[in-house]
Amino acid sequence: MESNKPKGQKRRFGVAGIINVLVTNAALQALLASNLASVAVATLISQSINTILGYTIYGKLVFGVKGLRKKEPIIRYGVLMIAMWLLNATGIELGAAVSLSKNAAAIVMVPCLAVLSYIAQKYWVFRK
C-alpha cells in the first residue's frame, strides 16, 4: 500500500523538535533553577513559547500543511499544548516527589512528551 506521508517526516520532526526543545527547555530550566516561578507557571511559560514556535514549524516544515490559519488545527494544537503542559508539570512534580531535582525531572519528560506530541500532531492536529 502506498503512503502519502512526505519522506523524512520523522527526521524533520526530530530536527524541528530539537530546536524547539532547546529554546523552550532553556527557558524552563532557567525558570526552575531561579525559583522565580512555581513549576506550573514555569512550565506554562515554556509551553507558551513551545506553542508559538511549534505550530508553524511542525505544521509547515514537518507535516506540510497548507492553511494553518484555519480554526480546526489551531484549536486542536491548543488543546494538545494544554495537555502537554499539564503532563509536563505533573511529571516534574512526580519526579520531585521521588527525589529527582525539578531540572532533572524536566529533562526526563522531554522524550516522553516528544513521542506523544508527534503522534498527536500526525494523527489528530495536522491530519490530512
Protein backbone atom coordinates (compact mmCIF):
# COMPACT_ATOMS: atom_id res chain seq x y z
CA MET A 1 0.00 0.00 0.00
CA GLU A 2 1.34 3.43 -0.94
CA SER A 3 1.74 6.07 1.74
CA ASN A 4 1.22 9.79 1.14
CA LYS A 5 3.41 10.83 4.02
CA PRO A 6 6.28 13.06 2.97
CA LYS A 7 9.68 11.36 3.08
CA GLY A 8 11.77 12.17 6.13
CA GLN A 9 8.83 13.34 8.26
CA LYS A 10 10.17 11.79 11.47
CA ARG A 11 13.62 13.20 10.77
CA ARG A 12 12.18 16.70 10.15
CA PHE A 13 10.12 16.37 13.35
CA GLY A 14 13.26 15.39 15.21
CA VAL A 15 15.31 18.33 13.90
CA ALA A 16 12.47 20.82 14.47
CA GLY A 17 11.85 19.27 17.86
CA ILE A 18 15.48 19.61 18.90
CA ILE A 19 15.42 23.31 18.02
CA ASN A 20 12.09 23.83 19.76
CA VAL A 21 13.16 21.85 22.84
CA LEU A 22 16.46 23.71 23.12
CA VAL A 23 14.71 27.08 23.09
CA THR A 24 11.78 26.15 25.33
CA ASN A 25 13.75 23.93 27.71
CA ALA A 26 16.36 26.66 28.17
CA ALA A 27 13.57 28.95 29.35
CA LEU A 28 12.11 26.20 31.57
CA GLN A 29 15.47 25.27 33.09
CA ALA A 30 16.26 28.91 33.85
CA LEU A 31 12.87 29.44 35.50
CA LEU A 32 13.14 26.24 37.56
CA ALA A 33 16.70 26.99 38.65
CA SER A 34 15.88 30.57 39.64
CA ASN A 35 12.85 29.63 41.74
CA LEU A 36 11.19 32.79 40.34
CA ALA A 37 8.13 30.79 39.36
CA SER A 38 6.31 27.68 40.54
CA VAL A 39 6.59 24.52 38.44
CA ALA A 40 3.12 25.19 36.99
CA VAL A 41 3.98 28.76 35.97
CA ALA A 42 7.45 27.83 34.67
CA THR A 43 6.03 25.02 32.52
CA LEU A 44 3.20 27.30 31.33
CA ILE A 45 5.69 29.93 30.17
CA SER A 46 7.89 27.38 28.40
CA GLN A 47 4.83 25.68 26.89
CA SER A 48 3.64 29.04 25.57
CA ILE A 49 6.99 29.55 23.82
CA ASN A 50 6.76 25.97 22.51
CA THR A 51 3.23 26.55 21.20
CA ILE A 52 4.03 29.70 19.28
CA LEU A 53 7.25 28.32 17.80
CA GLY A 54 5.99 24.79 17.26
CA TYR A 55 2.69 25.37 15.45
CA THR A 56 4.37 26.96 12.46
CA ILE A 57 7.48 24.79 12.43
CA TYR A 58 5.64 21.49 12.75
CA GLY A 59 2.65 22.43 10.62
CA LYS A 60 4.60 23.77 7.66
CA LEU A 61 8.00 22.14 7.76
CA VAL A 62 7.18 18.72 9.17
CA PHE A 63 3.63 17.91 8.11
CA GLY A 64 3.43 20.20 5.04
CA VAL A 65 0.04 21.62 5.98
CA LYS A 66 -1.41 24.44 3.96
CA GLY A 67 -3.99 26.68 5.60
CA LEU A 68 -2.52 26.86 9.09
CA ARG A 69 -4.83 29.77 9.80
CA LYS A 70 -7.87 27.50 9.73
CA LYS A 71 -9.63 27.27 13.06
CA GLU A 72 -9.70 23.47 13.46
CA PRO A 73 -5.94 22.75 13.55
CA ILE A 74 -5.32 25.82 15.72
CA ILE A 75 -7.87 24.62 18.27
CA ARG A 76 -6.53 21.05 18.17
CA TYR A 77 -2.96 22.27 18.61
CA GLY A 78 -4.05 24.46 21.51
CA VAL A 79 -5.76 21.52 23.22
CA LEU A 80 -2.67 19.36 22.65
CA MET A 81 -0.40 22.04 24.11
CA ILE A 82 -2.59 22.37 27.21
CA ALA A 83 -2.43 18.60 27.66
CA MET A 84 1.35 18.64 27.17
CA TRP A 85 1.69 21.44 29.73
CA LEU A 86 -0.34 19.50 32.30
CA LEU A 87 1.62 16.30 31.64
CA ASN A 88 4.93 18.14 31.90
CA ALA A 89 4.03 19.93 35.13
CA THR A 90 2.69 16.69 36.65
CA GLY A 91 5.77 14.73 35.56
CA ILE A 92 8.12 17.29 37.07
CA GLU A 93 6.16 17.32 40.34
CA LEU A 94 6.16 13.49 40.44
CA GLY A 95 9.89 13.44 39.75
CA ALA A 96 10.46 15.90 42.58
CA ALA A 97 8.31 13.71 44.86
CA VAL A 98 10.70 10.79 44.28
CA SER A 99 13.77 12.94 44.99
CA LEU A 100 14.73 14.00 41.46
CA SER A 101 15.61 17.64 41.08
CA LYS A 102 12.99 19.63 39.17
CA ASN A 103 15.55 20.23 36.44
CA ALA A 104 16.36 16.52 36.06
CA ALA A 105 12.67 15.62 36.07
CA ALA A 106 12.06 18.19 33.31
CA ILE A 107 14.78 16.60 31.19
CA VAL A 108 13.36 13.10 31.77
CA MET A 109 9.98 14.31 30.49
CA VAL A 110 11.34 15.51 27.12
CA PRO A 111 11.40 12.17 25.21
CA CYS A 112 8.03 11.08 26.63
CA LEU A 113 6.38 14.33 25.60
CA ALA A 114 8.11 14.29 22.19
CA VAL A 115 6.68 10.89 21.28
CA LEU A 116 3.18 11.82 22.45
CA SER A 117 3.38 15.15 20.62
CA TYR A 118 4.46 13.57 17.33
CA ILE A 119 1.67 11.01 17.38
CA ALA A 120 -0.99 13.57 18.30
CA GLN A 121 0.19 16.07 15.70
CA LYS A 122 0.41 13.49 12.93
CA TYR A 123 -2.90 11.74 13.52
CA TRP A 124 -5.05 14.44 15.10
CA VAL A 125 -3.81 18.05 14.77
CA PHE A 126 -2.40 18.12 11.24
CA ARG A 127 -4.19 15.12 9.73
CA LYS A 128 -4.94 15.48 6.06
